[in-house]
N, C-alpha and C. Protein backbone atom coordinates (compact mmCIF):
# COMPACT_ATOMS: atom_id res chain seq x y z
N MET A 1 -10.72 -9.42 -13.16
CA MET A 1 -10.24 -8.05 -13.59
C MET A 1 -8.99 -8.18 -13.84
N GLU A 2 -8.14 -7.27 -14.77
CA GLU A 2 -6.68 -8.08 -15.43
C GLU A 2 -5.53 -7.19 -14.77
N TRP A 3 -5.47 -7.90 -13.86
CA TRP A 3 -4.18 -6.50 -13.13
C TRP A 3 -3.26 -6.15 -13.28
N ARG A 4 -2.72 -7.10 -14.37
CA ARG A 4 -1.56 -6.06 -15.14
C ARG A 4 -1.93 -5.09 -15.89
N SER A 5 -2.57 -4.33 -16.71
CA SER A 5 -3.27 -3.30 -16.97
C SER A 5 -3.54 -2.49 -15.88
N PHE A 6 -3.94 -2.94 -15.06
CA PHE A 6 -4.38 -2.38 -13.69
C PHE A 6 -3.44 -0.81 -13.71
N PHE A 7 -2.33 -1.85 -12.86
CA PHE A 7 -1.06 -1.66 -12.78
C PHE A 7 -0.09 -0.53 -13.54
N GLU A 8 -0.41 -0.91 -14.70
CA GLU A 8 0.87 -0.09 -15.69
C GLU A 8 0.22 1.25 -15.92
N ARG A 9 -0.67 1.82 -14.91
CA ARG A 9 -1.04 3.17 -15.10
C ARG A 9 -0.18 4.31 -14.38
N ASP A 10 -0.26 5.23 -14.18
CA ASP A 10 0.32 6.62 -13.30
C ASP A 10 -0.02 5.63 -11.36
N ALA A 11 0.62 6.46 -10.33
CA ALA A 11 1.17 5.81 -9.50
C ALA A 11 0.21 6.46 -8.36
N ALA A 12 -0.36 8.15 -8.94
CA ALA A 12 -1.91 9.22 -8.66
C ALA A 12 -2.98 7.88 -8.52
N THR A 13 -3.08 7.49 -9.94
CA THR A 13 -4.54 6.59 -10.12
C THR A 13 -4.53 5.60 -9.74
N VAL A 14 -3.82 4.88 -9.62
CA VAL A 14 -3.87 3.10 -9.02
C VAL A 14 -4.16 3.54 -7.27
N ALA A 15 -3.17 4.64 -7.08
CA ALA A 15 -3.74 5.01 -5.85
C ALA A 15 -4.72 4.75 -5.18
N ARG A 16 -5.61 5.74 -5.85
CA ARG A 16 -6.93 6.45 -6.09
C ARG A 16 -7.45 4.94 -6.31
N ASP A 17 -7.28 4.28 -7.11
CA ASP A 17 -8.66 3.15 -7.98
C ASP A 17 -8.07 2.24 -6.78
N LEU A 18 -7.62 1.81 -6.18
CA LEU A 18 -7.04 1.05 -4.59
C LEU A 18 -8.05 1.13 -3.67
N ILE A 19 -8.33 2.24 -3.41
CA ILE A 19 -9.87 1.76 -2.19
C ILE A 19 -10.53 1.57 -2.02
N GLY A 20 -11.01 0.77 -1.30
CA GLY A 20 -12.08 -0.07 -2.07
C GLY A 20 -11.85 -1.84 -2.38
N ALA A 21 -10.96 -2.00 -2.62
CA ALA A 21 -10.23 -2.89 -2.93
C ALA A 21 -10.01 -3.73 -1.48
N ARG A 22 -9.54 -5.46 -2.10
CA ARG A 22 -10.06 -6.17 -0.71
C ARG A 22 -8.62 -6.79 -1.07
N LEU A 23 -7.54 -6.46 -0.27
CA LEU A 23 -6.27 -7.05 -0.46
C LEU A 23 -5.82 -8.19 1.14
N THR A 24 -5.82 -9.29 0.42
CA THR A 24 -4.99 -10.59 1.22
C THR A 24 -3.86 -10.66 1.40
N PHE A 25 -3.40 -11.62 2.65
CA PHE A 25 -1.60 -12.46 1.78
C PHE A 25 -2.38 -13.70 3.10
N ALA A 26 -2.14 -14.17 2.42
CA ALA A 26 -2.34 -15.97 3.24
C ALA A 26 -2.95 -15.89 4.16
N GLY A 27 -4.17 -15.58 3.69
CA GLY A 27 -6.15 -15.64 4.37
C GLY A 27 -6.26 -14.97 5.04
N ALA A 28 -5.24 -13.34 5.61
CA ALA A 28 -4.87 -12.31 6.67
C ALA A 28 -5.24 -10.94 5.66
N GLY A 29 -6.27 -10.15 5.70
CA GLY A 29 -6.62 -8.66 5.23
C GLY A 29 -7.34 -8.35 5.05
N GLY A 30 -8.15 -7.30 4.47
CA GLY A 30 -8.91 -6.56 4.17
C GLY A 30 -9.10 -5.59 2.98
N ARG A 31 -10.50 -4.32 3.12
CA ARG A 31 -10.25 -3.33 2.39
C ARG A 31 -9.24 -2.48 2.51
N ILE A 32 -8.37 -1.67 1.23
CA ILE A 32 -7.57 -0.90 1.36
C ILE A 32 -8.65 0.15 1.87
N VAL A 33 -7.85 0.68 2.81
CA VAL A 33 -8.64 2.12 3.34
C VAL A 33 -7.95 3.30 3.14
N GLU A 34 -6.48 3.01 2.63
CA GLU A 34 -6.00 4.59 2.45
C GLU A 34 -4.29 4.65 1.72
N THR A 35 -4.34 4.54 0.94
CA THR A 35 -2.72 4.78 0.01
C THR A 35 -1.74 6.22 -0.25
N GLU A 36 -0.97 5.62 -0.75
CA GLU A 36 -0.10 7.00 -0.72
C GLU A 36 0.29 6.74 -2.43
N ALA A 37 0.90 7.60 -3.44
CA ALA A 37 1.61 7.85 -4.49
C ALA A 37 2.82 8.17 -4.46
N TYR A 38 4.15 7.22 -5.26
CA TYR A 38 5.30 7.44 -5.23
C TYR A 38 5.82 7.25 -6.80
N GLU A 39 5.71 8.28 -7.69
CA GLU A 39 6.84 8.09 -8.81
C GLU A 39 8.11 8.38 -8.82
N ARG A 40 8.71 8.15 -9.99
CA ARG A 40 9.94 8.88 -10.06
C ARG A 40 10.68 10.18 -10.03
N THR A 41 9.82 10.88 -10.58
CA THR A 41 10.22 11.87 -10.74
C THR A 41 9.73 12.57 -9.73
N ASP A 42 9.58 11.93 -7.95
CA ASP A 42 9.35 12.60 -6.97
C ASP A 42 10.42 12.57 -5.18
N PRO A 43 10.60 13.29 -5.08
CA PRO A 43 12.13 13.34 -4.65
C PRO A 43 11.82 13.07 -3.56
N ALA A 44 10.85 12.63 -2.99
CA ALA A 44 10.04 11.84 -1.80
C ALA A 44 10.34 10.11 -2.21
N SER A 45 10.03 9.66 -3.44
CA SER A 45 10.12 8.52 -3.64
C SER A 45 11.67 8.09 -3.77
N HIS A 46 11.62 6.46 -2.84
CA HIS A 46 12.76 5.84 -3.70
C HIS A 46 13.77 5.41 -4.10
N SER A 47 12.51 5.92 -5.56
CA SER A 47 13.42 5.83 -6.82
C SER A 47 13.96 6.87 -7.44
N PHE A 48 14.00 7.96 -7.04
CA PHE A 48 14.24 9.35 -7.28
C PHE A 48 15.96 9.51 -8.14
N MET A 49 16.59 8.89 -7.12
CA MET A 49 17.79 8.68 -7.26
C MET A 49 18.10 7.48 -8.73
N GLY A 50 17.07 6.61 -8.42
CA GLY A 50 17.68 5.49 -9.85
C GLY A 50 17.60 4.83 -8.90
N PRO A 51 18.06 3.07 -9.92
CA PRO A 51 17.84 1.94 -9.64
C PRO A 51 18.83 1.78 -8.43
N THR A 52 18.69 0.90 -7.32
CA THR A 52 19.86 0.13 -6.25
C THR A 52 19.11 -1.45 -5.89
N ALA A 53 20.03 -1.69 -5.03
CA ALA A 53 20.04 -2.95 -4.75
C ALA A 53 18.41 -3.06 -3.60
N ARG A 54 18.10 -2.09 -3.04
CA ARG A 54 16.98 -1.52 -2.70
C ARG A 54 15.89 -1.71 -3.10
N ASN A 55 15.47 -0.72 -3.87
CA ASN A 55 14.38 -0.11 -4.81
C ASN A 55 14.75 -0.81 -6.64
N ALA A 56 15.50 -2.02 -6.41
CA ALA A 56 15.18 -2.56 -8.16
C ALA A 56 13.53 -3.15 -8.13
N VAL A 57 12.88 -3.50 -7.75
CA VAL A 57 11.47 -3.74 -7.31
C VAL A 57 11.29 -2.92 -8.42
N MET A 58 11.18 -1.69 -7.88
CA MET A 58 10.03 -0.66 -8.46
C MET A 58 10.91 -0.53 -9.32
N PHE A 59 11.65 -0.78 -10.22
CA PHE A 59 11.89 -0.94 -11.88
C PHE A 59 11.50 -1.71 -12.58
N GLY A 60 11.00 -3.26 -11.98
CA GLY A 60 10.40 -3.66 -12.61
C GLY A 60 9.37 -4.06 -13.05
N PRO A 61 8.38 -5.24 -13.29
CA PRO A 61 7.08 -5.24 -14.40
C PRO A 61 6.35 -4.86 -12.83
N PRO A 62 5.08 -3.89 -13.38
CA PRO A 62 3.91 -3.14 -12.74
C PRO A 62 2.80 -4.75 -11.73
N GLY A 63 2.56 -4.42 -10.30
CA GLY A 63 1.38 -5.56 -9.82
C GLY A 63 2.80 -6.37 -8.94
N ARG A 64 3.82 -6.13 -8.83
CA ARG A 64 4.59 -6.58 -8.01
C ARG A 64 5.18 -5.78 -6.36
N VAL A 65 4.73 -6.32 -5.63
CA VAL A 65 4.81 -6.25 -4.49
C VAL A 65 6.54 -5.43 -3.86
N TYR A 66 6.99 -4.13 -3.45
CA TYR A 66 7.74 -3.77 -2.93
C TYR A 66 7.93 -3.70 -1.80
N VAL A 67 8.66 -4.50 -0.97
CA VAL A 67 8.64 -4.29 0.68
C VAL A 67 9.77 -3.03 1.23
N TYR A 68 10.05 -2.61 1.87
CA TYR A 68 11.32 -2.37 2.33
C TYR A 68 11.70 -2.02 4.33
N ARG A 69 12.29 -1.83 4.57
CA ARG A 69 12.42 -1.08 6.01
C ARG A 69 11.97 -0.26 6.14
N SER A 70 11.28 0.32 7.30
CA SER A 70 10.82 2.21 7.39
C SER A 70 11.47 2.51 8.93
N TYR A 71 12.83 3.29 8.89
CA TYR A 71 13.55 3.22 10.45
C TYR A 71 13.98 2.11 11.15
N GLY A 72 14.54 1.51 10.21
CA GLY A 72 15.04 0.17 10.58
C GLY A 72 13.87 -0.38 11.46
N ILE A 73 13.02 -0.30 11.62
CA ILE A 73 11.67 -1.21 12.22
C ILE A 73 10.43 -2.48 11.69
N HIS A 74 10.29 -1.33 10.83
CA HIS A 74 8.68 -1.94 9.87
C HIS A 74 8.68 -2.34 8.95
N TRP A 75 8.66 -2.89 8.48
CA TRP A 75 8.30 -3.15 6.98
C TRP A 75 7.37 -2.39 6.32
N CYS A 76 7.22 -2.38 5.23
CA CYS A 76 6.21 -0.95 4.43
C CYS A 76 5.97 -1.72 3.71
N LEU A 77 4.78 -2.07 2.88
CA LEU A 77 4.36 -2.50 2.19
C LEU A 77 3.84 -1.51 0.46
N ASN A 78 4.91 -1.84 -1.04
CA ASN A 78 4.28 -0.95 -1.73
C ASN A 78 4.00 -1.97 -3.12
N LEU A 79 3.24 -1.27 -3.71
CA LEU A 79 2.95 -2.14 -5.16
C LEU A 79 3.38 -1.21 -6.42
N VAL A 80 4.15 -1.72 -7.67
CA VAL A 80 4.47 -1.32 -8.20
C VAL A 80 4.17 -0.93 -9.72
N THR A 81 3.64 0.38 -9.75
CA THR A 81 2.86 0.71 -11.48
C THR A 81 3.80 1.22 -11.96
N GLY A 82 3.02 1.94 -13.43
CA GLY A 82 3.90 2.15 -14.21
C GLY A 82 4.01 0.90 -15.38
N ALA A 83 4.91 1.62 -16.39
CA ALA A 83 5.26 0.27 -17.69
C ALA A 83 6.17 -0.17 -16.91
N ASP A 84 7.44 -1.25 -17.06
CA ASP A 84 8.59 -2.10 -16.95
C ASP A 84 9.51 -0.92 -16.60
N GLY A 85 10.45 -1.19 -15.60
CA GLY A 85 10.78 0.18 -15.65
C GLY A 85 10.61 1.43 -15.35
N HIS A 86 9.85 1.76 -14.39
CA HIS A 86 9.07 3.19 -14.69
C HIS A 86 9.56 3.18 -13.51
N GLY A 87 9.79 2.84 -12.01
CA GLY A 87 10.28 3.19 -10.89
C GLY A 87 9.08 3.96 -10.11
N ALA A 88 7.85 3.15 -10.47
CA ALA A 88 6.78 3.86 -9.15
C ALA A 88 6.34 2.97 -8.37
N ALA A 89 5.56 3.23 -7.12
CA ALA A 89 5.05 2.28 -6.74
C ALA A 89 3.81 3.40 -6.35
N VAL A 90 2.88 2.47 -5.11
CA VAL A 90 2.19 2.96 -4.29
C VAL A 90 2.09 2.36 -2.99
N LEU A 91 2.14 3.22 -2.31
CA LEU A 91 2.47 2.35 0.01
C LEU A 91 1.23 2.57 -0.07
N ILE A 92 0.54 0.94 0.60
CA ILE A 92 -0.11 0.80 1.04
C ILE A 92 -0.51 1.13 2.78
N ARG A 93 -1.00 2.12 3.75
CA ARG A 93 -1.01 2.81 4.40
C ARG A 93 -1.78 1.80 5.23
N ALA A 94 -3.26 1.37 4.55
CA ALA A 94 -3.94 1.10 6.04
C ALA A 94 -5.07 0.34 5.09
N LEU A 95 -5.65 -0.56 6.05
CA LEU A 95 -6.26 -1.50 5.67
C LEU A 95 -7.90 -1.77 6.91
N GLU A 96 -8.74 -1.62 6.34
CA GLU A 96 -9.94 -1.92 7.23
C GLU A 96 -10.12 -3.90 7.49
N PRO A 97 -9.57 -4.33 8.28
CA PRO A 97 -9.12 -5.86 8.74
C PRO A 97 -10.71 -6.59 8.58
N LEU A 98 -10.88 -7.75 7.44
CA LEU A 98 -12.26 -8.28 7.38
C LEU A 98 -11.40 -9.90 7.23
N ASP A 99 -10.33 -10.78 7.24
CA ASP A 99 -9.73 -12.06 6.72
C ASP A 99 -8.98 -11.63 7.83
N GLY A 100 -9.39 -13.45 9.26
CA GLY A 100 -7.88 -13.62 9.54
C GLY A 100 -7.73 -12.23 10.87
N LEU A 101 -8.76 -12.14 11.48
CA LEU A 101 -8.79 -11.01 12.70
C LEU A 101 -7.89 -11.74 13.58
N ASP A 102 -8.04 -13.26 13.48
CA ASP A 102 -7.35 -13.61 15.08
C ASP A 102 -6.19 -14.04 14.95
N ALA A 103 -5.80 -14.44 13.34
CA ALA A 103 -4.11 -14.33 13.26
C ALA A 103 -3.38 -12.40 13.73
N MET A 104 -4.28 -11.31 12.57
CA MET A 104 -4.45 -10.30 12.69
C MET A 104 -3.38 -10.20 14.43
N ALA A 105 -4.33 -9.88 15.12
CA ALA A 105 -4.56 -9.74 16.56
C ALA A 105 -3.27 -10.39 17.09
N ALA A 106 -3.10 -11.54 16.99
CA ALA A 106 -1.85 -12.65 17.48
C ALA A 106 -0.92 -11.76 17.42
N ARG A 107 -0.74 -11.54 15.83
CA ARG A 107 1.02 -10.85 15.52
C ARG A 107 0.66 -9.60 15.94
N ARG A 108 -0.25 -8.64 16.87
CA ARG A 108 -0.51 -7.57 16.58
C ARG A 108 -0.14 -7.51 18.31
N GLY A 109 -0.31 -7.89 19.16
CA GLY A 109 -0.87 -8.29 20.25
C GLY A 109 -1.56 -7.59 21.12
N LEU A 110 -2.67 -7.67 20.40
CA LEU A 110 -4.01 -6.88 20.88
C LEU A 110 -5.41 -7.38 20.11
N ASP A 111 -6.49 -6.70 20.67
CA ASP A 111 -7.78 -6.64 19.99
C ASP A 111 -8.40 -5.41 19.50
N ASP A 112 -7.90 -4.66 19.50
CA ASP A 112 -9.11 -3.58 18.69
C ASP A 112 -8.91 -3.60 17.02
N PRO A 113 -10.24 -3.63 16.69
CA PRO A 113 -9.40 -4.30 14.73
C PRO A 113 -9.09 -2.57 14.82
N ARG A 114 -9.23 -1.75 15.45
CA ARG A 114 -8.87 0.05 14.73
C ARG A 114 -7.35 -0.10 14.53
N LEU A 115 -7.11 -0.99 14.84
CA LEU A 115 -5.35 -0.35 15.54
C LEU A 115 -4.33 -1.49 14.30
N LEU A 116 -5.48 -2.86 14.37
CA LEU A 116 -4.74 -3.70 13.76
C LEU A 116 -3.52 -3.47 12.35
N ALA A 117 -4.08 -2.49 11.61
CA ALA A 117 -3.44 -2.38 10.28
C ALA A 117 -3.32 -0.56 10.09
N SER A 118 -3.77 -0.33 10.79
CA SER A 118 -4.41 1.48 10.56
C SER A 118 -2.36 2.02 10.44
N GLY A 119 -1.81 1.81 9.33
CA GLY A 119 -0.52 2.13 9.11
C GLY A 119 0.03 1.74 8.57
N PRO A 120 1.34 1.91 7.78
CA PRO A 120 1.83 0.71 7.06
C PRO A 120 2.71 -0.18 7.47
N GLY A 121 3.25 0.36 8.95
CA GLY A 121 4.08 -0.65 9.66
C GLY A 121 3.01 -1.62 9.84
N ARG A 122 1.83 -1.43 10.60
CA ARG A 122 0.94 -2.09 11.09
C ARG A 122 0.86 -2.84 10.51
N LEU A 123 0.23 -2.84 9.45
CA LEU A 123 -0.73 -3.22 8.37
C LEU A 123 0.61 -4.71 8.17
N CYS A 124 2.23 -4.43 7.80
CA CYS A 124 2.80 -5.47 7.35
C CYS A 124 3.22 -6.29 8.54
N GLN A 125 3.22 -6.07 9.73
CA GLN A 125 3.13 -6.84 10.96
C GLN A 125 1.73 -7.98 11.25
N ALA A 126 1.02 -7.14 10.93
CA ALA A 126 -1.08 -7.66 11.00
C ALA A 126 -0.90 -8.63 10.32
N LEU A 127 -0.26 -8.31 8.93
CA LEU A 127 -0.32 -9.23 7.61
C LEU A 127 0.73 -10.25 7.64
N GLY A 128 1.70 -9.98 7.80
CA GLY A 128 2.51 -11.08 8.76
C GLY A 128 3.92 -11.05 7.02
N ILE A 129 3.77 -9.86 6.89
CA ILE A 129 4.45 -9.19 5.60
C ILE A 129 5.80 -8.74 5.59
N THR A 130 7.01 -9.83 5.28
CA THR A 130 8.00 -9.26 5.29
C THR A 130 9.19 -9.35 3.63
N ILE A 131 10.13 -9.21 4.11
CA ILE A 131 11.50 -8.32 3.35
C ILE A 131 11.04 -9.89 2.01
N ALA A 132 11.02 -11.18 2.87
CA ALA A 132 10.58 -12.51 1.60
C ALA A 132 9.58 -12.68 0.76
N GLU A 133 8.77 -11.36 1.00
CA GLU A 133 7.85 -10.74 -0.01
C GLU A 133 7.84 -10.53 -1.17
N ASN A 134 9.60 -9.41 -1.07
CA ASN A 134 9.49 -8.63 -1.42
C ASN A 134 10.36 -9.08 -3.44
N GLY A 135 9.66 -8.72 -4.29
CA GLY A 135 8.96 -9.23 -5.92
C GLY A 135 7.95 -10.06 -6.24
N LEU A 136 7.25 -10.67 -5.30
CA LEU A 136 5.87 -11.47 -5.81
C LEU A 136 5.05 -10.58 -6.18
N ASP A 137 4.54 -11.51 -7.18
CA ASP A 137 2.90 -10.54 -7.82
C ASP A 137 1.96 -10.46 -6.82
N VAL A 138 1.10 -9.61 -6.65
CA VAL A 138 0.83 -9.58 -5.88
C VAL A 138 -1.06 -9.78 -5.85
N ALA A 139 -1.03 -9.86 -7.38
CA ALA A 139 -2.55 -11.40 -8.07
C ALA A 139 -1.60 -12.29 -7.96
N GLU A 140 -1.30 -12.87 -7.35
CA GLU A 140 -1.07 -14.67 -7.11
C GLU A 140 -0.37 -14.75 -5.62
N PRO A 141 -1.14 -15.91 -5.03
CA PRO A 141 -0.42 -16.68 -3.97
C PRO A 141 0.18 -16.36 -3.80
N PRO A 142 0.41 -16.04 -2.50
CA PRO A 142 -0.50 -15.85 -1.23
C PRO A 142 -0.69 -14.55 -1.47
N PHE A 143 -0.83 -13.85 -1.84
CA PHE A 143 -1.32 -12.49 -1.88
C PHE A 143 -2.79 -13.01 -2.80
N GLY A 144 -3.85 -12.21 -2.11
CA GLY A 144 -5.15 -11.99 -3.26
C GLY A 144 -5.96 -10.78 -3.18
N LEU A 145 -6.19 -9.78 -4.28
CA LEU A 145 -6.11 -9.19 -4.67
C LEU A 145 -7.82 -8.80 -5.82
N ALA A 146 -8.60 -8.08 -4.74
CA ALA A 146 -10.06 -8.33 -5.48
C ALA A 146 -11.07 -6.98 -5.94
N PRO A 147 -10.91 -6.26 -6.90
CA PRO A 147 -11.84 -5.53 -6.73
C PRO A 147 -12.74 -5.06 -5.96
N SER A 148 -12.77 -3.21 -5.83
CA SER A 148 -14.37 -2.78 -5.12
C SER A 148 -15.82 -3.33 -5.82
N ASP A 149 -16.34 -3.84 -5.39
CA ASP A 149 -17.75 -4.33 -6.04
C ASP A 149 -19.27 -3.20 -5.44
N GLU A 150 -18.08 -1.64 -5.21
CA GLU A 150 -19.12 -0.16 -5.01
C GLU A 150 -18.16 0.73 -4.83
N THR A 151 -18.92 2.00 -5.69
CA THR A 151 -18.23 3.13 -5.58
C THR A 151 -17.74 3.43 -4.26
N VAL A 152 -16.60 4.15 -3.58
CA VAL A 152 -16.30 4.38 -2.56
C VAL A 152 -16.43 6.01 -2.70
N PRO A 153 -16.54 6.47 -1.47
CA PRO A 153 -15.85 8.04 -1.66
C PRO A 153 -14.99 8.66 -1.07
N ILE A 154 -14.29 9.10 -1.66
CA ILE A 154 -12.06 9.22 -1.02
C ILE A 154 -12.31 10.72 -1.01
N ARG A 155 -11.12 10.28 -0.09
CA ARG A 155 -10.56 11.69 0.36
C ARG A 155 -8.55 11.62 -0.55
N THR A 156 -9.08 12.62 -0.48
CA THR A 156 -7.27 13.21 -1.55
C THR A 156 -6.90 14.05 -0.04
N GLY A 157 -5.09 13.95 -0.23
CA GLY A 157 -4.37 14.78 0.35
C GLY A 157 -3.36 14.52 0.34
N PRO A 158 -2.32 16.15 1.09
CA PRO A 158 -1.36 15.74 1.24
C PRO A 158 -0.12 14.49 1.59
N ARG A 159 0.31 13.87 0.88
CA ARG A 159 1.05 13.22 1.64
C ARG A 159 1.57 12.73 3.26
N ILE A 160 1.62 11.89 4.30
CA ILE A 160 2.15 12.38 5.52
C ILE A 160 3.22 12.02 5.92
N GLY A 161 4.87 11.31 6.84
CA GLY A 161 5.31 11.00 7.84
C GLY A 161 6.54 11.12 6.66
N ILE A 162 6.50 12.24 5.43
CA ILE A 162 7.49 12.43 4.71
C ILE A 162 8.11 13.26 4.46
N SER A 163 9.50 13.84 4.47
CA SER A 163 9.83 15.58 4.59
C SER A 163 10.35 16.21 2.86
N ARG A 164 9.74 15.36 2.04
CA ARG A 164 10.25 16.64 0.46
C ARG A 164 8.68 15.91 -0.09
N ALA A 165 8.58 16.73 -0.97
CA ALA A 165 7.14 16.81 -1.50
C ALA A 165 5.82 16.41 -0.96
N ILE A 166 5.52 17.01 0.73
CA ILE A 166 4.90 16.68 1.49
C ILE A 166 3.59 17.47 0.52
N GLU A 167 3.56 18.50 -0.11
CA GLU A 167 2.72 19.30 -0.90
C GLU A 167 1.57 18.30 -1.88
N ARG A 168 2.35 17.17 -2.30
CA ARG A 168 1.63 16.66 -3.49
C ARG A 168 0.43 16.23 -2.68
N PRO A 169 -0.84 16.72 -3.28
CA PRO A 169 -1.82 15.63 -2.58
C PRO A 169 -2.34 13.92 -3.37
N TRP A 170 -1.38 13.38 -3.04
CA TRP A 170 -1.21 12.04 -3.53
C TRP A 170 -0.98 11.01 -1.75
N ARG A 171 -1.48 11.17 -1.28
CA ARG A 171 -2.35 10.24 -0.48
C ARG A 171 -4.16 10.44 -0.51
N PHE A 172 -4.79 8.52 -0.34
CA PHE A 172 -6.37 8.74 -0.08
C PHE A 172 -6.57 7.87 0.23
N GLY A 173 -7.57 8.55 0.78
CA GLY A 173 -8.35 7.13 1.98
C GLY A 173 -9.73 7.16 1.36
N LEU A 174 -10.23 6.17 1.76
CA LEU A 174 -12.21 6.06 2.17
C LEU A 174 -12.37 7.19 3.53
N ASP A 175 -13.05 8.20 2.09
CA ASP A 175 -14.40 9.19 3.33
C ASP A 175 -15.03 8.54 4.81
N GLY A 176 -14.24 9.42 5.96
CA GLY A 176 -15.63 8.37 6.70
C GLY A 176 -14.91 6.59 7.41
N SER A 177 -13.65 6.66 7.10
CA SER A 177 -12.98 5.42 7.94
C SER A 177 -12.68 5.42 8.88
N ARG A 178 -13.05 4.76 9.77
CA ARG A 178 -11.82 4.86 10.98
C ARG A 178 -10.84 3.73 10.89
N TYR A 179 -10.51 3.21 9.77
CA TYR A 179 -8.75 2.35 10.28
C TYR A 179 -7.66 3.53 9.02
N LEU A 180 -8.32 4.65 9.26
CA LEU A 180 -6.96 5.48 8.01
C LEU A 180 -6.06 5.30 9.91
N SER A 181 -4.66 5.61 9.21
CA SER A 181 -3.41 5.86 9.94
C SER A 181 -3.59 7.39 10.80
N ARG A 182 -4.32 7.55 9.90
CA ARG A 182 -4.63 8.85 10.45
C ARG A 182 -5.61 10.13 9.75
N PRO A 183 -6.28 10.91 10.64
CA PRO A 183 -7.14 11.92 9.59
C PRO A 183 -6.83 12.08 8.30
N PHE A 184 -7.69 12.78 7.61
CA PHE A 184 -7.30 14.35 7.12
C PHE A 184 -7.52 15.17 7.80
N ARG A 185 -6.99 16.48 7.13
CA ARG A 185 -7.35 17.55 7.20
C ARG A 185 -8.38 18.47 6.81
N SER A 186 -9.25 18.83 7.24
CA SER A 186 -10.77 19.08 7.05
C SER A 186 -10.39 20.17 5.87
């Protein structure tokens, strides 16, 4: 798959299409089961007020990794979407651990696979992703990205953990997955 054109689309489309894809970092990772979309016109997006030193990667080439710290504690992994300079990204909220489980468990200090990467902070801790990866291309090592080889059932709902534009149905998840950060509302 040619990832550049995949990421040149709007964030909501990319967020939906990433469900089921396989993401790895330095040999650890798994199947993406939950994402959220953030566009430049979105008041909940880091890019809403324009470019800053923190969000500069969002205004660069699509397919780049945008890493930021949430609440001063957790790293969060985003993938830049749209055309160069667009200012949109997809937050990777959760994945089903499939590769490098021992390393992920050691980083997280627990053995329950369901809790290894079920949330953006947990995911980055399990994979060992920090600000050092900010700006890297997600389709090149140490990252690996492979499309799903099957059609997967997807749930859609409002984003979580934000206070603005929460009504937008830009949260996507693998229907029935036990690895989501939080269940979808019925």
